[in-house]
């Protein structure tokens, strides 16, 4: 087991990519503190995965007490902290005309500032274990789609933070920091978002090759597989790296066609 006896906090761990990471960590022998927003989702996770190596904590990560609380739960439950996965995020459409300051501040609060605060709170304990941080970003960090302005700004900032801290914290504290930038992933939230945008039932089965050369979208479990490598000792000294998980090149691609 690649994560045997490691203690890992995963935010946004009740659904989607975060839930896939929680499940993969447990399979690899880790003990996990999973965070999310909805208590009914927490109950479902516990019912499916049990409580032997899993603790859940339902709280908005932007609340002032959340970072310290998550760390304290890990320490009280399992006695140490080896890794933090900052996965909780808001994904919502906006452009220059529809992005007001309150919306942008909320997007940054969840997607960028909360991960920073959690890393700050966790750092003393991660330093003790020579642990690591894994931030879950997005390929939209590189510039983003026209209707994902605020989201792209927040993920771009997260990416810069990951590179900066991945260098400084590894040198000074022995703590690795890396980031995964997923592409288009078929999660339950993405299904709901696309339905709200008017997409027909089963839209994901007929995606143009431009966006999905494999004729299918990425699965949360495929993102989780990469996460396990970065969280494990197999990763060695790799730090300050951004791993893109998408089906096509991020630079130099011909995107003349649209969908």
C-alpha atoms as a PDB file:
ATOM      1  CA  UNK A   1       0.000   0.000   0.000  1.00  0.00           C
ATOM      2  CA  UNK A   2       1.531   3.253  -1.149  1.00  0.00           C
ATOM      3  CA  UNK A   3       0.015   5.469   1.557  1.00  0.00           C
ATOM      4  CA  UNK A   4       0.117   3.065   4.487  1.00  0.00           C
ATOM      5  CA  UNK A   5      -0.369   4.881   7.819  1.00  0.00           C
ATOM      6  CA  UNK A   6      -0.275   8.329   6.235  1.00  0.00           C
ATOM      7  CA  UNK A   7      -2.820  10.845   7.549  1.00  0.00           C
ATOM      8  CA  UNK A   8      -4.363  13.027   4.861  1.00  0.00           C
ATOM      9  CA  UNK A   9      -6.861  15.897   4.933  1.00  0.00           C
ATOM     10  CA  UNK A  10      -8.974  16.205   1.763  1.00  0.00           C
ATOM     11  CA  UNK A  11     -11.216  19.238   1.291  1.00  0.00           C
ATOM     12  CA  UNK A  12     -14.196  18.929  -1.003  1.00  0.00           C
ATOM     13  CA  UNK A  13     -14.029  15.221  -0.289  1.00  0.00           C
ATOM     14  CA  UNK A  14     -17.710  14.323  -0.379  1.00  0.00           C
ATOM     15  CA  UNK A  15     -18.222  14.436  -4.149  1.00  0.00           C
ATOM     16  CA  UNK A  16     -16.435  14.394  -7.501  1.00  0.00           C
ATOM     17  CA  UNK A  17     -12.651  14.438  -7.720  1.00  0.00           C
ATOM     18  CA  UNK A  18     -12.277  14.919  -3.981  1.00  0.00           C
ATOM     19  CA  UNK A  19     -14.369  11.865  -3.197  1.00  0.00           C
ATOM     20  CA  UNK A  20     -12.392   9.799  -5.705  1.00  0.00           C
ATOM     21  CA  UNK A  21      -9.192  10.907  -3.966  1.00  0.00           C
ATOM     22  CA  UNK A  22     -10.600  10.010  -0.540  1.00  0.00           C
ATOM     23  CA  UNK A  23     -11.500   6.521  -1.766  1.00  0.00           C
ATOM     24  CA  UNK A  24      -8.129   6.012  -3.444  1.00  0.00           C
ATOM     25  CA  UNK A  25      -6.267   7.148  -0.307  1.00  0.00           C
ATOM     26  CA  UNK A  26      -8.214   4.704   1.850  1.00  0.00           C
ATOM     27  CA  UNK A  27      -7.510   1.857  -0.581  1.00  0.00           C
ATOM     28  CA  UNK A  28      -3.808   2.674  -0.373  1.00  0.00           C
ATOM     29  CA  UNK A  29      -3.782   2.447   3.425  1.00  0.00           C
ATOM     30  CA  UNK A  30      -4.173   6.085   4.455  1.00  0.00           C
ATOM     31  CA  UNK A  31      -6.280   7.511   7.246  1.00  0.00           C
ATOM     32  CA  UNK A  32      -8.354  10.410   5.992  1.00  0.00           C
ATOM     33  CA  UNK A  33     -10.137  13.518   7.236  1.00  0.00           C
ATOM     34  CA  UNK A  34     -12.689  14.350   4.532  1.00  0.00           C
ATOM     35  CA  UNK A  35     -14.267  17.791   4.420  1.00  0.00           C
ATOM     36  CA  UNK A  36     -17.346  18.972   2.569  1.00  0.00           C
ATOM     37  CA  UNK A  37     -20.302  21.346   2.676  1.00  0.00           C
ATOM     38  CA  UNK A  38     -23.403  19.171   3.017  1.00  0.00           C
ATOM     39  CA  UNK A  39     -24.110  16.938   5.986  1.00  0.00           C
ATOM     40  CA  UNK A  40     -26.242  14.514   3.965  1.00  0.00           C
ATOM     41  CA  UNK A  41     -23.257  13.941   1.670  1.00  0.00           C
ATOM     42  CA  UNK A  42     -21.068  13.307   4.713  1.00  0.00           C
ATOM     43  CA  UNK A  43     -23.493  10.663   5.953  1.00  0.00           C
ATOM     44  CA  UNK A  44     -23.448   8.964   2.566  1.00  0.00           C
ATOM     45  CA  UNK A  45     -19.637   8.874   2.564  1.00  0.00           C
ATOM     46  CA  UNK A  46     -19.544   7.382   6.051  1.00  0.00           C
ATOM     47  CA  UNK A  47     -22.211   4.807   5.209  1.00  0.00           C
ATOM     48  CA  UNK A  48     -20.257   3.703   2.136  1.00  0.00           C
ATOM     49  CA  UNK A  49     -16.703   3.844   3.491  1.00  0.00           C
ATOM     50  CA  UNK A  50     -17.041   3.293   7.248  1.00  0.00           C
ATOM     51  CA  UNK A  51     -15.281   5.023  10.114  1.00  0.00           C
ATOM     52  CA  UNK A  52     -12.280   2.809  10.792  1.00  0.00           C
ATOM     53  CA  UNK A  53      -9.853   5.056   8.911  1.00  0.00           C
ATOM     54  CA  UNK A  54     -12.121   7.962   7.988  1.00  0.00           C
ATOM     55  CA  UNK A  55     -13.383  11.045   9.786  1.00  0.00           C
ATOM     56  CA  UNK A  56     -15.660  13.613   8.158  1.00  0.00           C
ATOM     57  CA  UNK A  57     -15.995  17.305   8.951  1.00  0.00           C
ATOM     58  CA  UNK A  58     -18.681  19.456   7.367  1.00  0.00           C
ATOM     59  CA  UNK A  59     -17.689  23.118   7.185  1.00  0.00           C
ATOM     60  CA  UNK A  60     -17.169  25.865   4.621  1.00  0.00           C
ATOM     61  CA  UNK A  61     -13.403  26.102   4.123  1.00  0.00           C
ATOM     62  CA  UNK A  62     -13.623  29.888   4.007  1.00  0.00           C
ATOM     63  CA  UNK A  63     -14.788  30.107   7.611  1.00  0.00           C
ATOM     64  CA  UNK A  64     -12.063  31.519   9.833  1.00  0.00           C
ATOM     65  CA  UNK A  65     -11.980  28.464  12.084  1.00  0.00           C
ATOM     66  CA  UNK A  66     -11.927  25.868   9.280  1.00  0.00           C
ATOM     67  CA  UNK A  67      -8.165  25.530   8.637  1.00  0.00           C
ATOM     68  CA  UNK A  68      -7.238  25.074  12.289  1.00  0.00           C
ATOM     69  CA  UNK A  69     -10.226  22.808  12.875  1.00  0.00           C
ATOM     70  CA  UNK A  70      -9.313  20.447  10.023  1.00  0.00           C
ATOM     71  CA  UNK A  71      -5.745  20.168  11.262  1.00  0.00           C
ATOM     72  CA  UNK A  72      -6.862  19.630  14.840  1.00  0.00           C
ATOM     73  CA  UNK A  73      -9.274  16.861  13.834  1.00  0.00           C
ATOM     74  CA  UNK A  74      -6.426  15.057  12.072  1.00  0.00           C
ATOM     75  CA  UNK A  75      -4.197  15.369  15.121  1.00  0.00           C
ATOM     76  CA  UNK A  76      -6.914  14.359  17.597  1.00  0.00           C
ATOM     77  CA  UNK A  77      -8.104  11.431  15.483  1.00  0.00           C
ATOM     78  CA  UNK A  78      -4.837  10.045  14.140  1.00  0.00           C
ATOM     79  CA  UNK A  79      -1.979  11.774  15.971  1.00  0.00           C
ATOM     80  CA  UNK A  80      -0.184  13.332  13.026  1.00  0.00           C
ATOM     81  CA  UNK A  81      -0.607  14.922   9.597  1.00  0.00           C
ATOM     82  CA  UNK A  82       1.226  13.800   6.460  1.00  0.00           C
ATOM     83  CA  UNK A  83      -0.600  15.558   3.644  1.00  0.00           C
ATOM     84  CA  UNK A  84      -3.242  18.081   2.679  1.00  0.00           C
ATOM     85  CA  UNK A  85      -5.268  17.925  -0.529  1.00  0.00           C
ATOM     86  CA  UNK A  86      -6.845  21.294  -1.316  1.00  0.00           C
ATOM     87  CA  UNK A  87      -9.668  20.246  -3.620  1.00  0.00           C
ATOM     88  CA  UNK A  88     -12.709  22.264  -2.485  1.00  0.00           C
ATOM     89  CA  UNK A  89     -13.682  24.784  -5.158  1.00  0.00           C
ATOM     90  CA  UNK A  90     -16.425  26.844  -6.748  1.00  0.00           C
ATOM     91  CA  UNK A  91     -16.901  26.369 -10.484  1.00  0.00           C
ATOM     92  CA  UNK A  92     -19.281  28.957 -11.863  1.00  0.00           C
ATOM     93  CA  UNK A  93     -19.549  30.802 -15.153  1.00  0.00           C
ATOM     94  CA  UNK A  94     -18.812  34.526 -15.418  1.00  0.00           C
ATOM     95  CA  UNK A  95     -17.254  37.036 -17.787  1.00  0.00           C
ATOM     96  CA  UNK A  96     -16.082  40.646 -17.520  1.00  0.00           C
ATOM     97  CA  UNK A  97     -19.672  41.891 -17.616  1.00  0.00           C
ATOM     98  CA  UNK A  98     -21.104  39.457 -15.073  1.00  0.00           C
ATOM     99  CA  UNK A  99     -18.217  39.302 -12.593  1.00  0.00           C
ATOM    100  CA  UNK A 100     -18.932  41.775  -9.830  1.00  0.00           C
ATOM    101  CA  UNK A 101     -16.535  42.262  -6.934  1.00  0.00           C
ATOM    102  CA  UNK A 102     -18.520  40.188  -4.454  1.00  0.00           C
ATOM    103  CA  UNK A 103     -18.566  37.253  -6.868  1.00  0.00           C
ATOM    104  CA  UNK A 104     -14.827  37.527  -7.544  1.00  0.00           C
ATOM    105  CA  UNK A 105     -14.015  37.796  -3.830  1.00  0.00           C
ATOM    106  CA  UNK A 106     -16.067  34.687  -3.078  1.00  0.00           C
ATOM    107  CA  UNK A 107     -14.366  32.770  -5.884  1.00  0.00           C
ATOM    108  CA  UNK A 108     -10.921  33.759  -4.616  1.00  0.00           C
ATOM    109  CA  UNK A 109     -11.905  33.032  -1.015  1.00  0.00           C
ATOM    110  CA  UNK A 110     -12.797  29.402  -1.770  1.00  0.00           C
ATOM    111  CA  UNK A 111     -10.392  28.558  -4.582  1.00  0.00           C
ATOM    112  CA  UNK A 112      -7.258  30.434  -3.520  1.00  0.00           C
ATOM    113  CA  UNK A 113      -7.335  31.951  -0.034  1.00  0.00           C
ATOM    114  CA  UNK A 114      -8.740  28.923   1.783  1.00  0.00           C
ATOM    115  CA  UNK A 115      -5.991  26.617   0.431  1.00  0.00           C
ATOM    116  CA  UNK A 116      -3.409  29.191   1.535  1.00  0.00           C
ATOM    117  CA  UNK A 117      -4.887  29.367   5.047  1.00  0.00           C
ATOM    118  CA  UNK A 118      -5.049  25.578   5.343  1.00  0.00           C
ATOM    119  CA  UNK A 119      -1.413  25.248   4.296  1.00  0.00           C
ATOM    120  CA  UNK A 120      -0.451  27.850   6.908  1.00  0.00           C
ATOM    121  CA  UNK A 121      -2.260  25.951   9.656  1.00  0.00           C
ATOM    122  CA  UNK A 122      -0.933  22.574   8.567  1.00  0.00           C
ATOM    123  CA  UNK A 123       2.693  23.590   7.981  1.00  0.00           C
ATOM    124  CA  UNK A 124       4.086  22.937  11.502  1.00  0.00           C
ATOM    125  CA  UNK A 125       2.672  19.405  11.449  1.00  0.00           C
ATOM    126  CA  UNK A 126       3.663  18.718   7.842  1.00  0.00           C
ATOM    127  CA  UNK A 127       7.179  19.889   8.725  1.00  0.00           C
ATOM    128  CA  UNK A 128       7.347  17.257  11.464  1.00  0.00           C
ATOM    129  CA  UNK A 129       6.410  14.444   9.084  1.00  0.00           C
ATOM    130  CA  UNK A 130       8.199  15.883   6.010  1.00  0.00           C
ATOM    131  CA  UNK A 131       4.807  15.724   4.374  1.00  0.00           C
ATOM    132  CA  UNK A 132       3.257  17.307   1.328  1.00  0.00           C
ATOM    133  CA  UNK A 133       0.502  19.460  -0.114  1.00  0.00           C
ATOM    134  CA  UNK A 134      -1.460  18.700  -3.257  1.00  0.00           C
ATOM    135  CA  UNK A 135      -3.554  21.486  -4.742  1.00  0.00           C
ATOM    136  CA  UNK A 136      -6.221  20.618  -7.289  1.00  0.00           C
ATOM    137  CA  UNK A 137      -6.338  23.351  -9.919  1.00  0.00           C
ATOM    138  CA  UNK A 138      -7.592  23.457 -13.491  1.00  0.00           C
ATOM    139  CA  UNK A 139      -6.231  23.785 -16.995  1.00  0.00           C
ATOM    140  CA  UNK A 140      -8.205  27.039 -17.010  1.00  0.00           C
ATOM    141  CA  UNK A 141      -5.413  28.444 -14.847  1.00  0.00           C
ATOM    142  CA  UNK A 142      -3.486  29.130 -18.048  1.00  0.00           C
ATOM    143  CA  UNK A 143      -6.052  31.661 -19.308  1.00  0.00           C
ATOM    144  CA  UNK A 144      -9.445  30.015 -19.200  1.00  0.00           C
ATOM    145  CA  UNK A 145     -12.546  30.037 -21.315  1.00  0.00           C
ATOM    146  CA  UNK A 146     -14.299  33.363 -22.000  1.00  0.00           C
ATOM    147  CA  UNK A 147     -17.140  32.449 -19.642  1.00  0.00           C
ATOM    148  CA  UNK A 148     -14.895  31.234 -16.807  1.00  0.00           C
ATOM    149  CA  UNK A 149     -13.120  34.486 -16.001  1.00  0.00           C
ATOM    150  CA  UNK A 150     -13.326  34.593 -12.199  1.00  0.00           C
ATOM    151  CA  UNK A 151     -12.736  30.857 -11.882  1.00  0.00           C
ATOM    152  CA  UNK A 152      -9.675  31.073 -14.139  1.00  0.00           C
ATOM    153  CA  UNK A 153      -8.246  33.983 -12.146  1.00  0.00           C
ATOM    154  CA  UNK A 154      -8.586  32.001  -8.923  1.00  0.00           C
ATOM    155  CA  UNK A 155      -6.951  28.882 -10.370  1.00  0.00           C
ATOM    156  CA  UNK A 156      -4.154  30.903 -11.953  1.00  0.00           C
ATOM    157  CA  UNK A 157      -3.360  32.372  -8.556  1.00  0.00           C
ATOM    158  CA  UNK A 158      -3.449  28.907  -6.981  1.00  0.00           C
ATOM    159  CA  UNK A 159      -0.994  27.642  -9.589  1.00  0.00           C
ATOM    160  CA  UNK A 160       1.484  30.435  -8.861  1.00  0.00           C
ATOM    161  CA  UNK A 161       1.140  29.743  -5.148  1.00  0.00           C
ATOM    162  CA  UNK A 162       1.856  26.049  -5.697  1.00  0.00           C
ATOM    163  CA  UNK A 163       5.049  26.777  -7.615  1.00  0.00           C
ATOM    164  CA  UNK A 164       6.218  29.376  -5.113  1.00  0.00           C
ATOM    165  CA  UNK A 165       5.516  27.315  -1.994  1.00  0.00           C
ATOM    166  CA  UNK A 166       6.691  24.135  -3.683  1.00  0.00           C
ATOM    167  CA  UNK A 167      10.130  25.712  -3.877  1.00  0.00           C
ATOM    168  CA  UNK A 168      10.317  27.608  -0.583  1.00  0.00           C
ATOM    169  CA  UNK A 169       8.624  25.092   1.692  1.00  0.00           C
ATOM    170  CA  UNK A 170      10.613  22.178   0.324  1.00  0.00           C
ATOM    171  CA  UNK A 171      13.890  24.014   0.839  1.00  0.00           C
ATOM    172  CA  UNK A 172      13.035  25.408   4.266  1.00  0.00           C
ATOM    173  CA  UNK A 173      10.668  22.814   5.760  1.00  0.00           C
ATOM    174  CA  UNK A 174      11.085  19.653   3.718  1.00  0.00           C
ATOM    175  CA  UNK A 175       7.421  19.912   2.660  1.00  0.00           C
ATOM    176  CA  UNK A 176       6.607  19.235  -0.986  1.00  0.00           C
ATOM    177  CA  UNK A 177       3.867  21.207  -2.757  1.00  0.00           C
ATOM    178  CA  UNK A 178       2.506  20.180  -6.155  1.00  0.00           C
ATOM    179  CA  UNK A 179      -0.625  20.777  -8.187  1.00  0.00           C
ATOM    180  CA  UNK A 180      -2.788  18.792 -10.581  1.00  0.00           C
ATOM    181  CA  UNK A 181      -4.559  20.765 -13.302  1.00  0.00           C
ATOM    182  CA  UNK A 182      -7.410  18.550 -14.512  1.00  0.00           C
ATOM    183  CA  UNK A 183      -9.087  19.121 -17.814  1.00  0.00           C
ATOM    184  CA  UNK A 184     -12.730  18.324 -18.439  1.00  0.00           C
ATOM    185  CA  UNK A 185     -13.834  15.747 -15.863  1.00  0.00           C
ATOM    186  CA  UNK A 186     -17.229  14.053 -15.764  1.00  0.00           C
ATOM    187  CA  UNK A 187     -18.320  14.603 -12.166  1.00  0.00           C
ATOM    188  CA  UNK A 188     -21.823  14.837 -10.710  1.00  0.00           C
ATOM    189  CA  UNK A 189     -21.328  18.587 -10.351  1.00  0.00           C
ATOM    190  CA  UNK A 190     -20.366  18.886 -14.016  1.00  0.00           C
ATOM    191  CA  UNK A 191     -23.482  16.967 -14.999  1.00  0.00           C
ATOM    192  CA  UNK A 192     -25.572  19.407 -12.949  1.00  0.00           C
ATOM    193  CA  UNK A 193     -23.765  22.442 -14.379  1.00  0.00           C
ATOM    194  CA  UNK A 194     -24.245  21.326 -17.976  1.00  0.00           C
ATOM    195  CA  UNK A 195     -27.906  20.538 -17.349  1.00  0.00           C
ATOM    196  CA  UNK A 196     -28.359  24.064 -15.992  1.00  0.00           C
ATOM    197  CA  UNK A 197     -26.763  25.395 -19.176  1.00  0.00           C
ATOM    198  CA  UNK A 198     -29.361  23.569 -21.251  1.00  0.00           C
ATOM    199  CA  UNK A 199     -27.357  20.574 -22.451  1.00  0.00           C
ATOM    200  CA  UNK A 200     -29.439  17.566 -23.464  1.00  0.00           C
ATOM    201  CA  UNK A 201     -29.446  14.307 -21.533  1.00  0.00           C
ATOM    202  CA  UNK A 202     -26.372  12.221 -22.358  1.00  0.00           C
ATOM    203  CA  UNK A 203     -24.477  15.186 -23.855  1.00  0.00           C
ATOM    204  CA  UNK A 204     -21.172  13.723 -22.669  1.00  0.00           C
ATOM    205  CA  UNK A 205     -21.568  10.795 -25.057  1.00  0.00           C
ATOM    206  CA  UNK A 206     -21.364  13.039 -28.104  1.00  0.00           C
ATOM    207  CA  UNK A 207     -18.521  15.493 -27.464  1.00  0.00           C
ATOM    208  CA  UNK A 208     -16.626  16.811 -30.505  1.00  0.00           C
ATOM    209  CA  UNK A 209     -13.176  15.316 -31.038  1.00  0.00           C
ATOM    210  CA  UNK A 210     -11.679  18.792 -30.594  1.00  0.00           C
ATOM    211  CA  UNK A 211     -12.498  18.639 -26.894  1.00  0.00           C
ATOM    212  CA  UNK A 212     -12.224  14.890 -26.353  1.00  0.00           C
ATOM    213  CA  UNK A 213     -10.018  12.965 -28.802  1.00  0.00           C
ATOM    214  CA  UNK A 214     -10.753   9.839 -26.744  1.00  0.00           C
ATOM    215  CA  UNK A 215     -14.486  10.415 -27.383  1.00  0.00           C
ATOM    216  CA  UNK A 216     -15.038  10.505 -23.628  1.00  0.00           C
ATOM    217  CA  UNK A 217     -14.257  12.810 -20.719  1.00  0.00           C
ATOM    218  CA  UNK A 218     -11.809  12.143 -17.924  1.00  0.00           C
ATOM    219  CA  UNK A 219     -13.117  10.281 -14.884  1.00  0.00           C
ATOM    220  CA  UNK A 220     -12.549  11.424 -11.277  1.00  0.00           C
ATOM    221  CA  UNK A 221     -10.769   8.129 -10.626  1.00  0.00           C
ATOM    222  CA  UNK A 222      -8.181   8.993 -13.269  1.00  0.00           C
ATOM    223  CA  UNK A 223      -7.365  12.240 -11.465  1.00  0.00           C
ATOM    224  CA  UNK A 224      -7.198  10.339  -8.171  1.00  0.00           C
ATOM    225  CA  UNK A 225      -4.650   7.911  -9.618  1.00  0.00           C
ATOM    226  CA  UNK A 226      -2.252  10.787 -10.288  1.00  0.00           C
ATOM    227  CA  UNK A 227      -2.963  12.224  -6.846  1.00  0.00           C
ATOM    228  CA  UNK A 228      -1.843   9.000  -5.176  1.00  0.00           C
ATOM    229  CA  UNK A 229       1.550   9.201  -6.882  1.00  0.00           C
ATOM    230  CA  UNK A 230       2.103  12.801  -5.768  1.00  0.00           C
ATOM    231  CA  UNK A 231       1.022  12.010  -2.201  1.00  0.00           C
ATOM    232  CA  UNK A 232       3.172   8.911  -1.917  1.00  0.00           C
ATOM    233  CA  UNK A 233       6.862   8.425  -1.204  1.00  0.00           C
ATOM    234  CA  UNK A 234       7.201   7.180  -4.784  1.00  0.00           C
ATOM    235  CA  UNK A 235       7.098  10.833  -5.800  1.00  0.00           C
ATOM    236  CA  UNK A 236      10.534  11.312  -4.251  1.00  0.00           C
ATOM    237  CA  UNK A 237      11.744  14.931  -4.185  1.00  0.00           C
ATOM    238  CA  UNK A 238       9.314  16.205  -6.827  1.00  0.00           C
ATOM    239  CA  UNK A 239       7.986  19.604  -5.739  1.00  0.00           C
ATOM    240  CA  UNK A 240       6.741  22.885  -7.232  1.00  0.00           C
ATOM    241  CA  UNK A 241       5.343  21.027 -10.247  1.00  0.00           C
ATOM    242  CA  UNK A 242       2.072  21.404 -12.123  1.00  0.00           C
ATOM    243  CA  UNK A 243       0.794  18.226 -13.752  1.00  0.00           C
ATOM    244  CA  UNK A 244      -1.716  18.694 -16.546  1.00  0.00           C
ATOM    245  CA  UNK A 245      -4.262  15.894 -16.922  1.00  0.00           C
ATOM    246  CA  UNK A 246      -5.992  16.545 -20.214  1.00  0.00           C
ATOM    247  CA  UNK A 247      -6.430  14.860 -23.595  1.00  0.00           C
ATOM    248  CA  UNK A 248      -4.698  17.430 -25.785  1.00  0.00           C
ATOM    249  CA  UNK A 249      -1.659  19.736 -25.678  1.00  0.00           C
ATOM    250  CA  UNK A 250      -2.104  22.902 -23.671  1.00  0.00           C
ATOM    251  CA  UNK A 251       0.254  24.940 -25.840  1.00  0.00           C
ATOM    252  CA  UNK A 252       0.206  25.313 -29.617  1.00  0.00           C
ATOM    253  CA  UNK A 253      -3.138  23.659 -30.237  1.00  0.00           C
ATOM    254  CA  UNK A 254      -5.347  24.689 -33.125  1.00  0.00           C
ATOM    255  CA  UNK A 255      -8.649  25.714 -31.561  1.00  0.00           C
ATOM    256  CA  UNK A 256     -10.218  27.309 -34.624  1.00  0.00           C
ATOM    257  CA  UNK A 257     -13.263  25.084 -34.318  1.00  0.00           C
ATOM    258  CA  UNK A 258     -15.864  25.665 -31.635  1.00  0.00           C
ATOM    259  CA  UNK A 259     -18.661  23.642 -30.142  1.00  0.00           C
END
